[in-house]
Amino acid sequence: MGMISEFKDFAMRGNVVDMAVGIVIGGAFGKIVSSFVADVLMPPIGLLMGGVDFSDLSIVLKEAVGEAAAVTMNYGVFIQTVVDFIIIAFAIFLVVKAMNSMKQEEEAAPEAPPEPSKEEVLLTEIRDALRAS
């Protein structure tokens, strides 16, 4: 089997295709959450905190000198990224929890085998009686 056909078999497996779709959707979801946090969630929080723009929060480690830019620690952007992570992690938790509950429903205890019919019970009694004699 050639390398190309092996790769085709590998790439066309359901798991690989599902994973690729999940990565693409996850990337898009991450961008949506980042935009939600930066553009919708953080401005009102900043307004409540006295008009703070979180993307501008930083600590200057070294002032700008000549053409060299200032060295800053942008902790406001870090706070926004942490909020992004918390929202994404919670969404993933909800998805995994839903999948686990569906899986548990599928793995529910199998039904007990049906009781034997009257004929089977009678035949079993006859068999046992013949063995005993």
C-alpha atoms as a PDB file:
ATOM      1  CA  MET A   1       0.000   0.000   0.000  1.00  0.00           C
ATOM      2  CA  GLY A   2       1.467   3.328  -1.020  1.00  0.00           C
ATOM      3  CA  MET A   3       2.070   6.176   1.340  1.00  0.00           C
ATOM      4  CA  ILE A   4      -0.575   8.321  -0.341  1.00  0.00           C
ATOM      5  CA  SER A   5      -3.286   5.702   0.044  1.00  0.00           C
ATOM      6  CA  GLU A   6      -2.276   5.121   3.686  1.00  0.00           C
ATOM      7  CA  PHE A   7      -2.515   8.847   4.331  1.00  0.00           C
ATOM      8  CA  LYS A   8      -5.901   8.966   2.594  1.00  0.00           C
ATOM      9  CA  ASP A   9      -7.173   6.113   4.799  1.00  0.00           C
ATOM     10  CA  PHE A  10      -5.852   7.898   7.888  1.00  0.00           C
ATOM     11  CA  ALA A  11      -7.291  11.306   6.941  1.00  0.00           C
ATOM     12  CA  MET A  12     -10.704   9.938   6.042  1.00  0.00           C
ATOM     13  CA  ARG A  13     -11.259   8.196   9.370  1.00  0.00           C
ATOM     14  CA  GLY A  14     -14.162   9.656  11.271  1.00  0.00           C
ATOM     15  CA  ASN A  15     -12.043  10.592  14.291  1.00  0.00           C
ATOM     16  CA  VAL A  16      -9.585  12.699  12.319  1.00  0.00           C
ATOM     17  CA  VAL A  17     -12.294  14.552  10.409  1.00  0.00           C
ATOM     18  CA  ASP A  18     -14.272  15.139  13.626  1.00  0.00           C
ATOM     19  CA  MET A  19     -11.141  16.461  15.329  1.00  0.00           C
ATOM     20  CA  ALA A  20     -10.412  18.824  12.426  1.00  0.00           C
ATOM     21  CA  VAL A  21     -13.954  20.184  12.509  1.00  0.00           C
ATOM     22  CA  GLY A  22     -13.683  20.615  16.283  1.00  0.00           C
ATOM     23  CA  ILE A  23     -10.423  22.553  15.960  1.00  0.00           C
ATOM     24  CA  VAL A  24     -11.863  24.894  13.327  1.00  0.00           C
ATOM     25  CA  ILE A  25     -15.034  25.512  15.346  1.00  0.00           C
ATOM     26  CA  GLY A  26     -12.989  25.910  18.539  1.00  0.00           C
ATOM     27  CA  GLY A  27     -10.771  28.527  16.891  1.00  0.00           C
ATOM     28  CA  ALA A  28     -13.791  30.471  15.688  1.00  0.00           C
ATOM     29  CA  PHE A  29     -15.415  30.158  19.121  1.00  0.00           C
ATOM     30  CA  GLY A  30     -12.220  31.488  20.726  1.00  0.00           C
ATOM     31  CA  LYS A  31     -12.290  34.563  18.479  1.00  0.00           C
ATOM     32  CA  ILE A  32     -15.946  35.170  19.301  1.00  0.00           C
ATOM     33  CA  VAL A  33     -15.264  34.914  23.040  1.00  0.00           C
ATOM     34  CA  SER A  34     -12.215  37.218  22.758  1.00  0.00           C
ATOM     35  CA  SER A  35     -14.293  39.815  20.941  1.00  0.00           C
ATOM     36  CA  PHE A  36     -17.119  39.431  23.475  1.00  0.00           C
ATOM     37  CA  VAL A  37     -14.739  39.975  26.393  1.00  0.00           C
ATOM     38  CA  ALA A  38     -12.780  42.858  24.848  1.00  0.00           C
ATOM     39  CA  ASP A  39     -15.676  44.685  23.181  1.00  0.00           C
ATOM     40  CA  VAL A  40     -18.784  43.846  25.238  1.00  0.00           C
ATOM     41  CA  LEU A  41     -17.863  42.611  28.718  1.00  0.00           C
ATOM     42  CA  MET A  42     -14.808  44.613  29.766  1.00  0.00           C
ATOM     43  CA  PRO A  43     -15.956  48.159  28.793  1.00  0.00           C
ATOM     44  CA  PRO A  44     -18.904  48.161  31.253  1.00  0.00           C
ATOM     45  CA  ILE A  45     -16.672  46.626  33.944  1.00  0.00           C
ATOM     46  CA  GLY A  46     -14.090  49.335  33.264  1.00  0.00           C
ATOM     47  CA  LEU A  47     -16.802  51.988  33.408  1.00  0.00           C
ATOM     48  CA  LEU A  48     -17.967  50.667  36.785  1.00  0.00           C
ATOM     49  CA  MET A  49     -14.373  50.862  38.000  1.00  0.00           C
ATOM     50  CA  GLY A  50     -14.075  54.555  37.176  1.00  0.00           C
ATOM     51  CA  GLY A  51     -13.583  54.603  33.412  1.00  0.00           C
ATOM     52  CA  VAL A  52     -10.680  52.144  33.231  1.00  0.00           C
ATOM     53  CA  ASP A  53      -9.726  50.734  29.820  1.00  0.00           C
ATOM     54  CA  PHE A  54      -8.297  47.300  30.586  1.00  0.00           C
ATOM     55  CA  SER A  55      -6.301  47.159  27.360  1.00  0.00           C
ATOM     56  CA  ASP A  56      -4.359  50.255  28.489  1.00  0.00           C
ATOM     57  CA  LEU A  57      -3.505  48.975  31.984  1.00  0.00           C
ATOM     58  CA  SER A  58       0.226  48.448  32.214  1.00  0.00           C
ATOM     59  CA  ILE A  59       3.252  48.958  34.403  1.00  0.00           C
ATOM     60  CA  VAL A  60       6.158  50.805  32.821  1.00  0.00           C
ATOM     61  CA  LEU A  61       9.351  48.895  33.518  1.00  0.00           C
ATOM     62  CA  LYS A  62      11.602  51.194  31.503  1.00  0.00           C
ATOM     63  CA  GLU A  63      10.682  54.570  30.041  1.00  0.00           C
ATOM     64  CA  ALA A  64      11.032  55.210  26.325  1.00  0.00           C
ATOM     65  CA  VAL A  65      14.439  56.599  25.444  1.00  0.00           C
ATOM     66  CA  GLY A  66      14.964  58.164  22.047  1.00  0.00           C
ATOM     67  CA  GLU A  67      13.709  55.742  19.425  1.00  0.00           C
ATOM     68  CA  ALA A  68      13.570  52.792  21.811  1.00  0.00           C
ATOM     69  CA  ALA A  69      10.019  52.047  22.899  1.00  0.00           C
ATOM     70  CA  ALA A  70       9.062  51.840  26.547  1.00  0.00           C
ATOM     71  CA  VAL A  71       9.189  48.410  28.173  1.00  0.00           C
ATOM     72  CA  THR A  72       5.799  47.714  29.748  1.00  0.00           C
ATOM     73  CA  MET A  73       4.033  44.863  31.495  1.00  0.00           C
ATOM     74  CA  ASN A  74       0.496  44.869  30.041  1.00  0.00           C
ATOM     75  CA  TYR A  75      -1.473  43.304  32.862  1.00  0.00           C
ATOM     76  CA  GLY A  76      -4.802  44.646  31.549  1.00  0.00           C
ATOM     77  CA  VAL A  77      -4.502  42.525  28.401  1.00  0.00           C
ATOM     78  CA  PHE A  78      -3.560  39.591  30.635  1.00  0.00           C
ATOM     79  CA  ILE A  79      -6.752  40.110  32.678  1.00  0.00           C
ATOM     80  CA  GLN A  80      -8.811  40.068  29.462  1.00  0.00           C
ATOM     81  CA  THR A  81      -7.075  36.857  28.357  1.00  0.00           C
ATOM     82  CA  VAL A  82      -7.801  35.215  31.722  1.00  0.00           C
ATOM     83  CA  VAL A  83     -11.490  36.141  31.386  1.00  0.00           C
ATOM     84  CA  ASP A  84     -11.437  34.671  27.843  1.00  0.00           C
ATOM     85  CA  PHE A  85      -9.971  31.446  29.198  1.00  0.00           C
ATOM     86  CA  ILE A  86     -12.521  31.175  31.997  1.00  0.00           C
ATOM     87  CA  ILE A  87     -15.439  31.604  29.589  1.00  0.00           C
ATOM     88  CA  ILE A  88     -14.032  29.090  27.076  1.00  0.00           C
ATOM     89  CA  ALA A  89     -13.169  26.582  29.825  1.00  0.00           C
ATOM     90  CA  PHE A  90     -16.692  26.843  31.239  1.00  0.00           C
ATOM     91  CA  ALA A  91     -18.229  26.339  27.790  1.00  0.00           C
ATOM     92  CA  ILE A  92     -16.069  23.257  27.210  1.00  0.00           C
ATOM     93  CA  PHE A  93     -17.027  21.959  30.649  1.00  0.00           C
ATOM     94  CA  LEU A  94     -20.712  22.278  29.739  1.00  0.00           C
ATOM     95  CA  VAL A  95     -20.180  20.457  26.425  1.00  0.00           C
ATOM     96  CA  VAL A  96     -18.231  17.618  28.070  1.00  0.00           C
ATOM     97  CA  LYS A  97     -20.823  17.353  30.834  1.00  0.00           C
ATOM     98  CA  ALA A  98     -23.628  17.111  28.248  1.00  0.00           C
ATOM     99  CA  MET A  99     -21.714  14.464  26.275  1.00  0.00           C
ATOM    100  CA  ASN A 100     -21.037  12.445  29.426  1.00  0.00           C
ATOM    101  CA  SER A 101     -24.699  12.521  30.423  1.00  0.00           C
ATOM    102  CA  MET A 102     -25.696  11.330  26.937  1.00  0.00           C
ATOM    103  CA  LYS A 103     -23.085   8.575  27.136  1.00  0.00           C
ATOM    104  CA  GLN A 104     -24.417   7.472  30.538  1.00  0.00           C
ATOM    105  CA  GLU A 105     -27.926   7.246  29.112  1.00  0.00           C
ATOM    106  CA  GLU A 106     -26.582   5.011  26.323  1.00  0.00           C
ATOM    107  CA  GLU A 107     -24.703   2.855  28.814  1.00  0.00           C
ATOM    108  CA  ALA A 108     -27.761   2.408  31.029  1.00  0.00           C
ATOM    109  CA  ALA A 109     -28.127  -1.042  32.503  1.00  0.00           C
ATOM    110  CA  PRO A 110     -29.195  -3.513  29.854  1.00  0.00           C
ATOM    111  CA  GLU A 111     -32.647  -4.929  30.216  1.00  0.00           C
ATOM    112  CA  ALA A 112     -32.978  -8.219  32.057  1.00  0.00           C
ATOM    113  CA  PRO A 113     -33.426 -11.134  29.720  1.00  0.00           C
ATOM    114  CA  PRO A 114     -37.082 -12.003  29.208  1.00  0.00           C
ATOM    115  CA  GLU A 115     -38.492 -14.742  31.374  1.00  0.00           C
ATOM    116  CA  PRO A 116     -38.595 -18.133  29.664  1.00  0.00           C
ATOM    117  CA  SER A 117     -41.872 -19.186  28.109  1.00  0.00           C
ATOM    118  CA  LYS A 118     -44.073 -21.874  29.701  1.00  0.00           C
ATOM    119  CA  GLU A 119     -42.783 -24.402  27.177  1.00  0.00           C
ATOM    120  CA  GLU A 120     -39.159 -23.676  28.047  1.00  0.00           C
ATOM    121  CA  VAL A 121     -39.888 -23.995  31.765  1.00  0.00           C
ATOM    122  CA  LEU A 122     -41.663 -27.331  31.174  1.00  0.00           C
ATOM    123  CA  LEU A 123     -38.819 -28.633  28.987  1.00  0.00           C
ATOM    124  CA  THR A 124     -36.287 -27.577  31.640  1.00  0.00           C
ATOM    125  CA  GLU A 125     -38.237 -29.486  34.298  1.00  0.00           C
ATOM    126  CA  ILE A 126     -38.393 -32.581  32.075  1.00  0.00           C
ATOM    127  CA  ARG A 127     -34.647 -32.349  31.386  1.00  0.00           C
ATOM    128  CA  ASP A 128     -33.857 -32.019  35.085  1.00  0.00           C
ATOM    129  CA  ALA A 129     -36.168 -34.956  35.917  1.00  0.00           C
ATOM    130  CA  LEU A 130     -34.448 -37.150  33.290  1.00  0.00           C
ATOM    131  CA  ARG A 131     -31.012 -36.234  34.649  1.00  0.00           C
ATOM    132  CA  ALA A 132     -32.119 -37.067  38.188  1.00  0.00           C
ATOM    133  CA  SER A 133     -33.333 -40.553  37.259  1.00  0.00           C
END
